[in-house]
């Protein structure tokens, strides 16, 4: 692991689909706080197993995201609409 990839590349990769993915050295979109890219450190279908490995390893400040092929939910900023 350790390859730097964009989040859209990771999300559409068969290698990571359905897995929790740990990313290091992430860059984030300033408006949405969604990851743009990062270095893949590790991945696992079991979140607890992945977190245990990350905690016991050298990389302690990883972003951990679930990799599916669904688009992330859009965020609505501003005041709520009233009905």
N, C-alpha and C. Protein backbone atom coordinates (compact mmCIF):
# COMPACT_ATOMS: atom_id res chain seq x y z
N UNK A 1 0.84 -1.17 0.00
CA UNK A 1 0.00 0.00 0.00
C UNK A 1 0.90 1.24 0.00
N UNK A 2 0.30 2.39 0.25
CA UNK A 2 1.09 3.60 0.28
C UNK A 2 1.03 4.41 -1.00
N UNK A 3 0.24 3.94 -1.99
CA UNK A 3 0.14 4.69 -3.23
C UNK A 3 -0.78 5.90 -3.04
N UNK A 4 -0.39 7.01 -3.61
CA UNK A 4 -1.20 8.23 -3.52
C UNK A 4 -2.24 8.18 -4.63
N UNK A 5 -3.50 8.34 -4.22
CA UNK A 5 -4.60 8.27 -5.17
C UNK A 5 -5.62 9.34 -4.83
N UNK A 6 -6.41 9.72 -5.81
CA UNK A 6 -7.52 10.62 -5.53
C UNK A 6 -8.65 9.80 -4.92
N UNK A 7 -9.52 10.46 -4.13
CA UNK A 7 -10.64 9.74 -3.53
C UNK A 7 -11.57 9.15 -4.59
N UNK A 8 -11.86 9.85 -5.69
CA UNK A 8 -12.68 9.22 -6.73
C UNK A 8 -12.02 7.96 -7.31
N UNK A 9 -10.70 7.94 -7.46
CA UNK A 9 -10.01 6.74 -7.93
C UNK A 9 -10.16 5.60 -6.93
N UNK A 10 -10.02 5.91 -5.65
CA UNK A 10 -10.15 4.90 -4.61
C UNK A 10 -11.57 4.36 -4.58
N UNK A 11 -12.55 5.26 -4.60
CA UNK A 11 -13.95 4.86 -4.51
C UNK A 11 -14.39 3.97 -5.65
N UNK A 12 -13.80 4.14 -6.82
CA UNK A 12 -14.21 3.33 -7.98
C UNK A 12 -13.30 2.14 -8.23
N UNK A 13 -12.30 1.97 -7.39
CA UNK A 13 -11.36 0.85 -7.54
C UNK A 13 -11.97 -0.45 -6.99
N UNK A 14 -11.91 -1.50 -7.77
CA UNK A 14 -12.39 -2.81 -7.30
C UNK A 14 -11.58 -3.29 -6.11
N UNK A 15 -10.34 -2.85 -5.99
CA UNK A 15 -9.47 -3.30 -4.90
C UNK A 15 -9.96 -2.81 -3.54
N UNK A 16 -10.68 -1.70 -3.48
CA UNK A 16 -11.10 -1.11 -2.21
C UNK A 16 -12.61 -1.10 -1.99
N UNK A 17 -13.39 -1.46 -3.00
CA UNK A 17 -14.85 -1.40 -2.89
C UNK A 17 -15.34 -2.29 -1.75
N UNK A 18 -16.16 -1.71 -0.87
CA UNK A 18 -16.72 -2.45 0.26
C UNK A 18 -15.80 -2.54 1.46
N UNK A 19 -14.68 -1.81 1.42
CA UNK A 19 -13.70 -1.86 2.51
C UNK A 19 -13.59 -0.50 3.20
N UNK A 20 -13.13 -0.53 4.44
CA UNK A 20 -12.71 0.68 5.14
C UNK A 20 -11.28 0.96 4.69
N UNK A 21 -10.98 2.19 4.34
CA UNK A 21 -9.67 2.56 3.81
C UNK A 21 -9.05 3.64 4.70
N UNK A 22 -7.81 3.41 5.11
CA UNK A 22 -7.06 4.38 5.91
C UNK A 22 -6.17 5.19 4.96
N UNK A 23 -6.33 6.52 5.03
CA UNK A 23 -5.55 7.42 4.19
C UNK A 23 -4.67 8.31 5.05
N UNK A 24 -3.45 8.51 4.60
CA UNK A 24 -2.53 9.41 5.29
C UNK A 24 -2.18 10.54 4.33
N UNK A 25 -1.74 11.66 4.88
CA UNK A 25 -1.34 12.82 4.08
C UNK A 25 -2.46 13.26 3.14
N UNK A 26 -3.67 13.35 3.68
CA UNK A 26 -4.83 13.73 2.88
C UNK A 26 -4.85 15.21 2.57
N UNK A 27 -5.44 15.51 1.44
CA UNK A 27 -5.84 16.87 1.15
C UNK A 27 -7.35 16.86 1.07
N UNK A 28 -7.98 17.95 1.56
CA UNK A 28 -9.43 18.01 1.65
C UNK A 28 -9.97 19.19 0.88
N UNK A 29 -11.18 19.06 0.40
CA UNK A 29 -11.89 20.16 -0.22
C UNK A 29 -12.23 21.17 0.88
N UNK A 30 -11.87 22.41 0.68
CA UNK A 30 -12.07 23.44 1.71
C UNK A 30 -13.55 23.72 2.00
N UNK A 31 -14.40 23.54 1.03
CA UNK A 31 -15.83 23.83 1.23
C UNK A 31 -16.59 22.66 1.83
N UNK A 32 -16.30 21.45 1.40
CA UNK A 32 -17.09 20.29 1.83
C UNK A 32 -16.40 19.44 2.89
N UNK A 33 -15.11 19.63 3.08
CA UNK A 33 -14.30 18.82 4.00
C UNK A 33 -14.22 17.36 3.56
N UNK A 34 -14.55 17.09 2.32
CA UNK A 34 -14.44 15.74 1.76
C UNK A 34 -13.00 15.54 1.28
N UNK A 35 -12.47 14.32 1.40
CA UNK A 35 -11.10 14.08 0.95
C UNK A 35 -10.99 14.19 -0.56
N UNK A 36 -9.90 14.78 -1.00
CA UNK A 36 -9.62 14.87 -2.43
C UNK A 36 -8.63 13.80 -2.85
N UNK A 37 -7.62 13.56 -2.01
CA UNK A 37 -6.62 12.53 -2.29
C UNK A 37 -5.86 12.22 -1.03
N UNK A 38 -5.13 11.11 -1.06
CA UNK A 38 -4.31 10.71 0.07
C UNK A 38 -3.52 9.46 -0.27
N UNK A 39 -2.64 9.09 0.63
CA UNK A 39 -1.84 7.87 0.47
C UNK A 39 -2.56 6.73 1.19
N UNK A 40 -2.87 5.67 0.45
CA UNK A 40 -3.55 4.53 1.04
C UNK A 40 -2.56 3.81 1.95
N UNK A 41 -2.89 3.72 3.24
CA UNK A 41 -2.03 3.09 4.23
C UNK A 41 -2.43 1.63 4.45
N UNK A 42 -3.76 1.40 4.53
CA UNK A 42 -4.26 0.05 4.83
C UNK A 42 -5.74 0.03 4.49
N UNK A 43 -6.31 -1.17 4.43
CA UNK A 43 -7.74 -1.32 4.22
C UNK A 43 -8.20 -2.64 4.80
N UNK A 44 -9.49 -2.71 5.14
CA UNK A 44 -10.04 -3.93 5.73
C UNK A 44 -11.56 -3.85 5.68
N UNK A 45 -12.22 -4.98 5.62
CA UNK A 45 -13.68 -4.99 5.69
C UNK A 45 -14.18 -4.79 7.12
N UNK A 46 -13.29 -5.02 8.09
CA UNK A 46 -13.63 -4.88 9.51
C UNK A 46 -12.99 -3.60 10.05
N UNK A 47 -13.83 -2.64 10.42
CA UNK A 47 -13.33 -1.35 10.90
C UNK A 47 -12.48 -1.50 12.16
N UNK A 48 -12.90 -2.38 13.07
CA UNK A 48 -12.15 -2.56 14.32
C UNK A 48 -10.76 -3.11 14.04
N UNK A 49 -10.66 -4.09 13.15
CA UNK A 49 -9.35 -4.65 12.79
C UNK A 49 -8.44 -3.59 12.17
N UNK A 50 -9.02 -2.79 11.29
CA UNK A 50 -8.24 -1.73 10.65
C UNK A 50 -7.73 -0.73 11.68
N UNK A 51 -8.62 -0.28 12.58
CA UNK A 51 -8.23 0.69 13.60
C UNK A 51 -7.18 0.11 14.54
N UNK A 52 -7.28 -1.17 14.85
CA UNK A 52 -6.29 -1.82 15.71
C UNK A 52 -4.91 -1.81 15.06
N UNK A 53 -4.87 -2.13 13.78
CA UNK A 53 -3.58 -2.10 13.06
C UNK A 53 -3.02 -0.69 12.97
N UNK A 54 -3.89 0.27 12.68
CA UNK A 54 -3.43 1.67 12.57
C UNK A 54 -2.89 2.14 13.91
N UNK A 55 -3.61 1.83 14.97
CA UNK A 55 -3.20 2.26 16.32
C UNK A 55 -1.86 1.66 16.71
N UNK A 56 -1.60 0.41 16.34
CA UNK A 56 -0.35 -0.25 16.72
C UNK A 56 0.79 0.05 15.76
N UNK A 57 0.49 0.69 14.63
CA UNK A 57 1.52 1.00 13.65
C UNK A 57 2.10 2.39 13.82
N UNK A 58 2.81 2.83 12.80
CA UNK A 58 3.46 4.14 12.84
C UNK A 58 2.54 5.28 12.41
N UNK A 59 1.52 4.97 11.66
CA UNK A 59 0.60 6.00 11.15
C UNK A 59 -0.57 6.14 12.11
N UNK A 60 -0.61 7.25 12.86
CA UNK A 60 -1.64 7.44 13.86
C UNK A 60 -2.66 8.52 13.50
N UNK A 61 -2.43 9.25 12.43
CA UNK A 61 -3.31 10.37 12.08
C UNK A 61 -3.93 10.15 10.71
N UNK A 62 -4.52 9.00 10.54
CA UNK A 62 -5.14 8.66 9.26
C UNK A 62 -6.61 9.02 9.23
N UNK A 63 -7.08 9.35 8.06
CA UNK A 63 -8.51 9.46 7.82
C UNK A 63 -8.98 8.07 7.43
N UNK A 64 -10.06 7.62 8.03
CA UNK A 64 -10.59 6.29 7.72
C UNK A 64 -11.98 6.48 7.14
N UNK A 65 -12.14 5.99 5.91
CA UNK A 65 -13.37 6.21 5.16
C UNK A 65 -13.86 4.89 4.59
N UNK A 66 -15.18 4.76 4.45
CA UNK A 66 -15.73 3.56 3.83
C UNK A 66 -15.78 3.78 2.33
N UNK A 67 -15.34 2.80 1.60
CA UNK A 67 -15.24 2.90 0.15
C UNK A 67 -16.42 2.18 -0.49
N UNK A 68 -17.32 2.96 -1.04
CA UNK A 68 -18.40 2.40 -1.83
C UNK A 68 -18.50 3.21 -3.11
N UNK A 69 -19.36 2.79 -3.99
CA UNK A 69 -19.45 3.53 -5.24
C UNK A 69 -20.63 4.49 -5.26
N UNK A 70 -21.19 4.76 -4.08
CA UNK A 70 -22.25 5.76 -3.97
C UNK A 70 -21.62 7.14 -3.79
N UNK A 71 -22.21 8.17 -4.39
CA UNK A 71 -21.67 9.51 -4.18
C UNK A 71 -21.89 9.94 -2.73
N UNK A 72 -20.99 10.76 -2.19
CA UNK A 72 -21.18 11.24 -0.82
C UNK A 72 -22.42 12.11 -0.74
N UNK A 73 -23.08 12.14 0.43
CA UNK A 73 -24.27 12.98 0.55
C UNK A 73 -23.91 14.45 0.38
N UNK A 74 -24.79 15.19 -0.28
CA UNK A 74 -24.52 16.62 -0.44
C UNK A 74 -24.88 17.32 0.85
N UNK A 75 -24.15 18.36 1.13
CA UNK A 75 -24.40 19.14 2.33
C UNK A 75 -25.04 20.45 1.92
N UNK A 76 -26.08 20.79 2.61
CA UNK A 76 -26.76 22.04 2.35
C UNK A 76 -26.32 23.03 3.42
N UNK A 77 -25.72 24.12 2.98
CA UNK A 77 -25.24 25.13 3.90
C UNK A 77 -26.28 26.25 3.95
N UNK A 78 -26.30 26.94 5.06
CA UNK A 78 -27.21 28.07 5.19
C UNK A 78 -28.40 27.72 6.05
N UNK A 79 -29.43 28.52 5.95
CA UNK A 79 -30.60 28.31 6.79
C UNK A 79 -31.47 27.17 6.28
N UNK A 80 -32.16 26.51 7.20
CA UNK A 80 -33.04 25.42 6.85
C UNK A 80 -34.31 25.97 6.23
N UNK A 81 -34.87 25.18 5.31
CA UNK A 81 -36.13 25.59 4.69
C UNK A 81 -37.27 25.25 5.64
N UNK A 82 -38.25 26.09 5.65
CA UNK A 82 -39.42 25.85 6.49
C UNK A 82 -40.61 25.53 5.62
N UNK A 83 -41.45 24.56 6.10
CA UNK A 83 -42.58 24.16 5.29
C UNK A 83 -43.89 24.65 5.76
